[in-house]
């Protein structure tokens, strides 16, 4: 083997090792990105009255809604959570920020529903402020009682 052939063989070997290393790093990073452990935990509905607030729990055993098992599996692709039950499919997308992780339901689209990860409730107004119906009742009451 000549000096030139040896250099080419070494260069080819180094490039092959770098390519395999980079590919492995990309694969491992992607697997971590789509790992459902990132969405495990309790997710609390935002803007619902306290007596009707849904709590969805995602963990390795399945999906629970208000402490009741609804399915034993869900799919997570890094940005969407897909939950299939006998009642149909529900899809949530990751929303919010790192400091306020939230889920937004996109399927079914109505009624709209947002959830926040337990422990981050202080970052949003949980009760949704004064509700629309409550505000209308207060306005009508004020109007007919003569208050302004």
N, C-alpha and C. Protein backbone atom coordinates (compact mmCIF):
# COMPACT_ATOMS: atom_id res chain seq x y z
N UNK A 1 0.84 -1.17 0.00
CA UNK A 1 0.00 0.00 0.00
C UNK A 1 0.89 1.24 0.00
N UNK A 2 0.57 2.18 -0.85
CA UNK A 2 1.38 3.39 -0.95
C UNK A 2 0.95 4.41 0.09
N UNK A 3 1.78 5.42 0.24
CA UNK A 3 1.49 6.49 1.19
C UNK A 3 0.17 7.18 0.85
N UNK A 4 -0.08 7.42 -0.40
CA UNK A 4 -1.30 8.09 -0.86
C UNK A 4 -2.53 7.23 -0.54
N UNK A 5 -2.44 5.95 -0.78
CA UNK A 5 -3.57 5.04 -0.50
C UNK A 5 -3.83 4.96 1.01
N UNK A 6 -2.79 4.99 1.81
CA UNK A 6 -2.93 4.95 3.27
C UNK A 6 -3.64 6.21 3.75
N UNK A 7 -3.25 7.36 3.22
CA UNK A 7 -3.90 8.62 3.61
C UNK A 7 -5.38 8.61 3.23
N UNK A 8 -5.67 8.12 2.04
CA UNK A 8 -7.07 8.04 1.60
C UNK A 8 -7.87 7.10 2.50
N UNK A 9 -7.28 5.99 2.88
CA UNK A 9 -7.97 5.02 3.74
C UNK A 9 -8.24 5.63 5.12
N UNK A 10 -7.25 6.34 5.66
CA UNK A 10 -7.42 6.99 6.97
C UNK A 10 -8.48 8.08 6.88
N UNK A 11 -8.43 8.90 5.84
CA UNK A 11 -9.42 9.96 5.65
C UNK A 11 -10.83 9.38 5.53
N UNK A 12 -10.95 8.33 4.73
CA UNK A 12 -12.25 7.68 4.56
C UNK A 12 -12.75 7.12 5.89
N UNK A 13 -11.87 6.51 6.67
CA UNK A 13 -12.24 5.94 7.97
C UNK A 13 -12.70 7.03 8.93
N UNK A 14 -11.97 8.13 8.96
CA UNK A 14 -12.34 9.25 9.85
C UNK A 14 -13.70 9.82 9.44
N UNK A 15 -13.91 10.01 8.13
CA UNK A 15 -15.20 10.52 7.66
C UNK A 15 -16.34 9.55 7.97
N UNK A 16 -16.08 8.26 7.83
CA UNK A 16 -17.11 7.26 8.14
C UNK A 16 -17.45 7.30 9.63
N UNK A 17 -16.46 7.39 10.50
CA UNK A 17 -16.70 7.46 11.95
C UNK A 17 -17.46 8.73 12.30
N UNK A 18 -17.09 9.85 11.72
CA UNK A 18 -17.80 11.11 11.97
C UNK A 18 -19.25 11.04 11.50
N UNK A 19 -19.47 10.45 10.33
CA UNK A 19 -20.84 10.32 9.80
C UNK A 19 -21.70 9.45 10.70
N UNK A 20 -21.15 8.32 11.11
CA UNK A 20 -21.89 7.41 12.00
C UNK A 20 -22.16 8.09 13.34
N UNK A 21 -21.18 8.79 13.88
CA UNK A 21 -21.34 9.50 15.16
C UNK A 21 -22.42 10.57 15.06
N UNK A 22 -22.37 11.37 14.01
CA UNK A 22 -23.37 12.43 13.82
C UNK A 22 -24.77 11.84 13.65
N UNK A 23 -24.86 10.79 12.86
CA UNK A 23 -26.17 10.14 12.65
C UNK A 23 -26.72 9.58 13.95
N UNK A 24 -25.86 8.98 14.75
CA UNK A 24 -26.28 8.45 16.04
C UNK A 24 -26.75 9.57 16.96
N UNK A 25 -26.03 10.67 16.98
CA UNK A 25 -26.41 11.82 17.81
C UNK A 25 -27.77 12.36 17.39
N UNK A 26 -28.00 12.51 16.10
CA UNK A 26 -29.29 12.99 15.60
C UNK A 26 -30.41 12.03 15.99
N UNK A 27 -30.18 10.74 15.83
CA UNK A 27 -31.19 9.73 16.17
C UNK A 27 -31.53 9.76 17.66
N UNK A 28 -30.51 9.80 18.50
CA UNK A 28 -30.73 9.82 19.95
C UNK A 28 -31.45 11.11 20.36
N UNK A 29 -31.07 12.23 19.77
CA UNK A 29 -31.74 13.50 20.08
C UNK A 29 -33.21 13.46 19.68
N UNK A 30 -33.50 12.91 18.52
CA UNK A 30 -34.89 12.81 18.07
C UNK A 30 -35.69 11.90 18.99
N UNK A 31 -35.12 10.78 19.39
CA UNK A 31 -35.82 9.86 20.29
C UNK A 31 -36.13 10.54 21.62
N UNK A 32 -35.21 11.35 22.12
CA UNK A 32 -35.48 12.09 23.35
C UNK A 32 -36.56 13.14 23.14
N UNK A 33 -36.56 13.78 21.97
CA UNK A 33 -37.55 14.82 21.65
C UNK A 33 -38.97 14.25 21.65
N UNK A 34 -39.16 13.06 21.14
CA UNK A 34 -40.50 12.47 21.04
C UNK A 34 -40.82 11.54 22.21
N UNK A 35 -39.97 11.53 23.22
CA UNK A 35 -40.22 10.69 24.40
C UNK A 35 -41.41 11.25 25.17
N UNK A 36 -42.42 10.42 25.43
CA UNK A 36 -43.62 10.91 26.13
C UNK A 36 -43.35 11.36 27.56
N UNK A 37 -42.20 11.07 28.11
CA UNK A 37 -41.91 11.50 29.48
C UNK A 37 -41.99 13.03 29.61
N UNK A 38 -41.84 13.74 28.49
CA UNK A 38 -41.90 15.20 28.52
C UNK A 38 -43.31 15.71 28.80
N UNK A 39 -44.33 14.88 28.58
CA UNK A 39 -45.71 15.32 28.83
C UNK A 39 -46.36 14.55 29.98
N UNK A 40 -45.60 13.66 30.62
CA UNK A 40 -46.13 12.95 31.77
C UNK A 40 -46.48 13.93 32.89
N UNK A 41 -47.56 13.65 33.58
CA UNK A 41 -47.97 14.46 34.71
C UNK A 41 -49.43 14.84 34.63
N UNK A 42 -49.84 15.67 35.55
CA UNK A 42 -51.22 16.15 35.61
C UNK A 42 -51.33 17.46 34.84
N UNK A 43 -52.39 17.55 34.04
CA UNK A 43 -52.69 18.75 33.26
C UNK A 43 -54.07 19.24 33.69
N UNK A 44 -54.15 20.49 34.13
CA UNK A 44 -55.37 21.05 34.71
C UNK A 44 -56.00 22.04 33.74
N UNK A 45 -57.31 21.90 33.55
CA UNK A 45 -58.04 22.78 32.62
C UNK A 45 -58.01 24.22 33.10
N UNK A 46 -57.81 25.12 32.15
CA UNK A 46 -57.76 26.56 32.44
C UNK A 46 -59.12 27.17 32.08
N UNK A 47 -59.61 28.05 32.94
CA UNK A 47 -60.81 28.81 32.61
C UNK A 47 -62.12 28.11 32.91
N UNK A 48 -62.08 26.95 33.53
CA UNK A 48 -63.31 26.23 33.86
C UNK A 48 -63.69 26.53 35.31
N UNK A 49 -64.98 26.47 35.62
CA UNK A 49 -65.36 26.66 37.02
C UNK A 49 -64.75 25.55 37.89
N UNK A 50 -64.46 25.87 39.13
CA UNK A 50 -63.76 24.92 40.00
C UNK A 50 -64.50 23.59 40.16
N UNK A 51 -65.83 23.61 40.08
CA UNK A 51 -66.59 22.38 40.24
C UNK A 51 -66.62 21.53 38.97
N UNK A 52 -66.13 22.07 37.85
CA UNK A 52 -66.19 21.36 36.58
C UNK A 52 -64.83 21.36 35.85
N UNK A 53 -63.75 21.46 36.60
CA UNK A 53 -62.42 21.49 36.01
C UNK A 53 -61.94 20.07 35.74
N UNK A 54 -61.53 19.82 34.50
CA UNK A 54 -60.98 18.51 34.15
C UNK A 54 -59.50 18.46 34.49
N UNK A 55 -59.05 17.31 34.98
CA UNK A 55 -57.64 17.06 35.21
C UNK A 55 -57.28 15.82 34.41
N UNK A 56 -56.37 15.99 33.47
CA UNK A 56 -55.94 14.88 32.63
C UNK A 56 -54.54 14.48 33.09
N UNK A 57 -54.37 13.20 33.34
CA UNK A 57 -53.09 12.67 33.77
C UNK A 57 -52.53 11.77 32.67
N UNK A 58 -51.32 12.07 32.24
CA UNK A 58 -50.63 11.27 31.24
C UNK A 58 -49.45 10.59 31.94
N UNK A 59 -49.35 9.27 31.82
CA UNK A 59 -48.21 8.56 32.38
C UNK A 59 -47.96 7.28 31.61
N UNK A 60 -47.02 6.48 32.07
CA UNK A 60 -46.63 5.28 31.34
C UNK A 60 -47.74 4.23 31.30
N UNK A 61 -48.72 4.31 32.19
CA UNK A 61 -49.82 3.33 32.18
C UNK A 61 -51.00 3.77 31.33
N UNK A 62 -51.04 5.04 30.92
CA UNK A 62 -52.13 5.48 30.06
C UNK A 62 -52.56 6.90 30.33
N UNK A 63 -53.83 7.16 30.01
CA UNK A 63 -54.41 8.49 30.15
C UNK A 63 -55.58 8.40 31.12
N UNK A 64 -55.58 9.27 32.11
CA UNK A 64 -56.65 9.34 33.09
C UNK A 64 -57.32 10.69 32.97
N UNK A 65 -58.65 10.69 33.05
CA UNK A 65 -59.40 11.95 33.09
C UNK A 65 -60.16 11.96 34.39
N UNK A 66 -59.85 12.92 35.23
CA UNK A 66 -60.45 13.03 36.56
C UNK A 66 -60.32 11.71 37.32
N UNK A 67 -59.11 11.17 37.34
CA UNK A 67 -58.74 9.94 38.06
C UNK A 67 -59.37 8.67 37.51
N UNK A 68 -59.95 8.73 36.32
CA UNK A 68 -60.51 7.54 35.69
C UNK A 68 -59.74 7.21 34.42
N UNK A 69 -59.34 5.95 34.29
CA UNK A 69 -58.58 5.53 33.12
C UNK A 69 -59.47 5.60 31.88
N UNK A 70 -59.00 6.32 30.85
CA UNK A 70 -59.77 6.42 29.60
C UNK A 70 -59.12 5.63 28.47
N UNK A 71 -57.81 5.44 28.53
CA UNK A 71 -57.11 4.61 27.55
C UNK A 71 -55.74 4.25 28.11
N UNK A 72 -55.21 3.15 27.62
CA UNK A 72 -53.92 2.69 28.13
C UNK A 72 -52.74 3.19 27.31
N UNK A 73 -53.01 3.92 26.25
CA UNK A 73 -51.90 4.44 25.44
C UNK A 73 -52.29 5.75 24.76
N UNK A 74 -51.25 6.50 24.42
CA UNK A 74 -51.42 7.72 23.64
C UNK A 74 -50.17 7.89 22.79
N UNK A 75 -50.29 8.71 21.76
CA UNK A 75 -49.16 8.97 20.87
C UNK A 75 -48.66 10.40 21.08
N UNK A 76 -47.35 10.54 21.10
CA UNK A 76 -46.73 11.85 21.22
C UNK A 76 -45.62 11.95 20.20
N UNK A 77 -45.68 12.96 19.33
CA UNK A 77 -44.67 13.10 18.27
C UNK A 77 -43.73 14.27 18.51
N UNK A 78 -43.74 14.81 19.71
CA UNK A 78 -42.88 15.94 20.03
C UNK A 78 -43.63 17.26 20.07
N UNK A 79 -44.77 17.33 19.38
CA UNK A 79 -45.57 18.56 19.40
C UNK A 79 -47.06 18.28 19.55
N UNK A 80 -47.50 17.08 19.24
CA UNK A 80 -48.92 16.72 19.34
C UNK A 80 -49.10 15.48 20.19
N UNK A 81 -50.18 15.49 20.96
CA UNK A 81 -50.58 14.32 21.74
C UNK A 81 -51.90 13.85 21.15
N UNK A 82 -51.95 12.59 20.75
CA UNK A 82 -53.16 12.01 20.18
C UNK A 82 -53.67 10.93 21.11
N UNK A 83 -54.92 11.08 21.53
CA UNK A 83 -55.54 10.14 22.46
C UNK A 83 -56.76 9.55 21.79
N UNK A 84 -56.76 8.23 21.62
CA UNK A 84 -57.89 7.54 20.98
C UNK A 84 -58.65 6.75 22.03
N UNK A 85 -59.96 7.02 22.10
CA UNK A 85 -60.84 6.31 23.03
C UNK A 85 -62.06 5.83 22.26
N UNK A 86 -62.96 5.17 22.96
CA UNK A 86 -64.20 4.73 22.33
C UNK A 86 -65.05 5.90 21.86
N UNK A 87 -64.85 7.06 22.46
CA UNK A 87 -65.60 8.26 22.09
C UNK A 87 -65.00 9.01 20.92
N UNK A 88 -63.88 8.53 20.39
CA UNK A 88 -63.24 9.20 19.26
C UNK A 88 -61.83 9.61 19.60
N UNK A 89 -61.27 10.45 18.75
CA UNK A 89 -59.89 10.90 18.93
C UNK A 89 -59.86 12.33 19.45
N UNK A 90 -58.94 12.57 20.39
CA UNK A 90 -58.70 13.91 20.90
C UNK A 90 -57.24 14.23 20.65
N UNK A 91 -56.98 15.43 20.12
CA UNK A 91 -55.61 15.83 19.82
C UNK A 91 -55.32 17.14 20.54
N UNK A 92 -54.20 17.15 21.24
CA UNK A 92 -53.71 18.35 21.91
C UNK A 92 -52.38 18.72 21.29
N UNK A 93 -52.10 20.02 21.21
CA UNK A 93 -50.78 20.48 20.77
C UNK A 93 -50.10 21.17 21.95
N UNK A 94 -48.79 21.11 21.94
CA UNK A 94 -48.01 21.79 22.97
C UNK A 94 -48.12 23.28 22.73
N UNK A 95 -48.46 24.01 23.77
CA UNK A 95 -48.62 25.47 23.67
C UNK A 95 -47.92 26.09 24.89
N UNK A 96 -48.07 27.37 25.02
CA UNK A 96 -47.47 28.04 26.17
C UNK A 96 -45.97 28.22 25.98
N UNK A 97 -45.24 28.19 27.08
CA UNK A 97 -43.80 28.40 27.05
C UNK A 97 -43.13 27.44 28.01
N UNK A 98 -41.82 27.52 28.08
CA UNK A 98 -41.07 26.68 29.00
C UNK A 98 -41.47 26.98 30.44
N UNK A 99 -41.76 28.25 30.74
CA UNK A 99 -42.14 28.67 32.09
C UNK A 99 -43.62 28.46 32.38
N UNK A 100 -44.40 28.16 31.37
CA UNK A 100 -45.84 27.95 31.53
C UNK A 100 -46.31 26.90 30.50
N UNK A 101 -45.93 25.62 30.71
CA UNK A 101 -46.29 24.59 29.72
C UNK A 101 -47.80 24.37 29.66
N UNK A 102 -48.33 24.42 28.45
CA UNK A 102 -49.77 24.27 28.26
C UNK A 102 -50.06 23.33 27.10
N UNK A 103 -51.26 22.79 27.12
CA UNK A 103 -51.78 22.00 26.02
C UNK A 103 -53.02 22.70 25.50
N UNK A 104 -53.19 22.71 24.19
CA UNK A 104 -54.38 23.28 23.57
C UNK A 104 -55.05 22.17 22.77
N UNK A 105 -56.33 21.95 23.04
CA UNK A 105 -57.05 20.92 22.30
C UNK A 105 -57.41 21.46 20.92
N UNK A 106 -57.06 20.68 19.88
CA UNK A 106 -57.37 21.08 18.51
C UNK A 106 -58.40 20.16 17.87
N UNK A 107 -58.55 18.94 18.39
CA UNK A 107 -59.58 18.00 17.90
C UNK A 107 -60.24 17.39 19.12
N UNK A 108 -61.52 17.53 19.32
CA UNK A 108 -62.44 18.40 18.60
C UNK A 108 -62.15 19.87 18.92
N UNK A 109 -62.42 20.71 17.95
CA UNK A 109 -62.06 22.12 18.07
C UNK A 109 -62.98 22.89 19.02
N UNK A 110 -64.22 22.44 19.15
CA UNK A 110 -65.15 23.13 20.04
C UNK A 110 -65.70 22.16 21.05
N UNK A 111 -65.93 22.52 22.24
CA UNK A 111 -65.52 23.79 22.84
C UNK A 111 -64.01 23.82 23.02
N UNK A 112 -63.44 25.01 22.94
CA UNK A 112 -61.99 25.12 23.07
C UNK A 112 -61.60 24.78 24.51
N UNK A 113 -60.44 24.18 24.64
CA UNK A 113 -59.97 23.78 25.97
C UNK A 113 -58.47 23.92 26.02
N UNK A 114 -57.99 24.54 27.10
CA UNK A 114 -56.55 24.66 27.35
C UNK A 114 -56.27 24.05 28.71
N UNK A 115 -55.12 23.43 28.82
CA UNK A 115 -54.70 22.83 30.07
C UNK A 115 -53.30 23.31 30.41
N UNK A 116 -53.00 23.38 31.68
CA UNK A 116 -51.66 23.77 32.13
C UNK A 116 -51.11 22.67 33.02
N UNK A 117 -49.83 22.46 32.95
CA UNK A 117 -49.20 21.42 33.74
C UNK A 117 -49.26 21.78 35.22
N UNK A 118 -49.58 20.78 36.03
CA UNK A 118 -49.68 21.00 37.46
C UNK A 118 -48.35 21.54 37.99
N UNK A 119 -48.45 22.55 38.84
CA UNK A 119 -47.27 23.21 39.37
C UNK A 119 -47.03 24.56 38.73
N UNK A 120 -47.69 24.81 37.60
CA UNK A 120 -47.52 26.08 36.89
C UNK A 120 -48.82 26.89 36.88
N UNK A 121 -49.76 26.54 37.73
CA UNK A 121 -51.06 27.22 37.74
C UNK A 121 -50.96 28.70 38.03
N UNK A 122 -49.95 29.11 38.77
CA UNK A 122 -49.79 30.53 39.14
C UNK A 122 -49.42 31.40 37.94
N UNK A 123 -49.05 30.77 36.81
CA UNK A 123 -48.64 31.55 35.65
C UNK A 123 -49.82 31.98 34.78
N UNK A 124 -51.02 31.48 35.08
CA UNK A 124 -52.21 31.85 34.32
C UNK A 124 -53.36 32.12 35.28
N UNK A 125 -54.39 32.78 34.76
CA UNK A 125 -55.59 33.01 35.54
C UNK A 125 -56.47 31.77 35.38
N UNK A 126 -56.56 30.96 36.41
CA UNK A 126 -57.21 29.66 36.31
C UNK A 126 -58.72 29.75 36.13
N UNK A 127 -59.37 30.72 36.77
CA UNK A 127 -60.83 30.77 36.72
C UNK A 127 -61.36 31.50 35.48
N UNK A 128 -60.49 32.02 34.66
CA UNK A 128 -60.92 32.68 33.44
C UNK A 128 -61.52 34.06 33.67
N UNK A 129 -61.31 34.61 34.85
CA UNK A 129 -61.88 35.92 35.13
C UNK A 129 -63.39 35.81 35.29
N UNK A 130 -64.08 36.91 35.19
CA UNK A 130 -65.54 36.88 35.28
C UNK A 130 -66.08 36.27 33.99
N UNK A 131 -66.89 35.24 34.13
CA UNK A 131 -67.42 34.54 32.96
C UNK A 131 -68.39 35.40 32.18
N UNK A 132 -68.60 35.08 30.93
CA UNK A 132 -69.49 35.86 30.06
C UNK A 132 -70.92 35.85 30.58
N UNK A 133 -71.44 34.70 30.97
CA UNK A 133 -72.81 34.61 31.47
C UNK A 133 -72.96 35.37 32.78
N UNK A 134 -71.96 35.23 33.64
CA UNK A 134 -72.01 35.92 34.93
C UNK A 134 -71.98 37.44 34.72
N UNK A 135 -71.17 37.90 33.77
CA UNK A 135 -71.09 39.33 33.49
C UNK A 135 -72.42 39.85 32.93
N UNK A 136 -73.08 39.08 32.05
CA UNK A 136 -74.37 39.49 31.50
C UNK A 136 -75.44 39.56 32.59
N UNK A 137 -75.45 38.55 33.49
CA UNK A 137 -76.42 38.57 34.59
C UNK A 137 -76.22 39.78 35.47
N UNK A 138 -74.95 40.09 35.78
CA UNK A 138 -74.64 41.25 36.62
C UNK A 138 -75.08 42.54 35.93
N UNK A 139 -74.84 42.64 34.62
CA UNK A 139 -75.24 43.85 33.88
C UNK A 139 -76.75 43.99 33.86
N UNK A 140 -77.49 42.91 33.62
CA UNK A 140 -78.95 42.96 33.63
C UNK A 140 -79.49 43.31 35.00
N UNK A 141 -78.89 42.72 36.03
CA UNK A 141 -79.32 43.01 37.40
C UNK A 141 -79.12 44.49 37.72
N UNK A 142 -77.96 45.01 37.35
CA UNK A 142 -77.67 46.43 37.58
C UNK A 142 -78.63 47.32 36.81
N UNK A 143 -78.94 46.94 35.58
CA UNK A 143 -79.83 47.73 34.73
C UNK A 143 -81.23 47.81 35.32
N UNK A 144 -81.78 46.66 35.70
CA UNK A 144 -83.18 46.66 36.17
C UNK A 144 -83.32 47.08 37.61
N UNK A 145 -82.24 47.08 38.38
CA UNK A 145 -82.34 47.55 39.76
C UNK A 145 -82.05 49.04 39.85
N UNK A 146 -81.69 49.66 38.73
CA UNK A 146 -81.47 51.09 38.71
C UNK A 146 -80.06 51.49 39.11
N UNK A 147 -79.18 50.48 39.41
CA UNK A 147 -77.78 50.80 39.76
C UNK A 147 -76.99 51.08 38.50
N UNK A 148 -75.97 51.87 38.62
CA UNK A 148 -75.11 52.15 37.48
C UNK A 148 -73.69 51.93 37.83
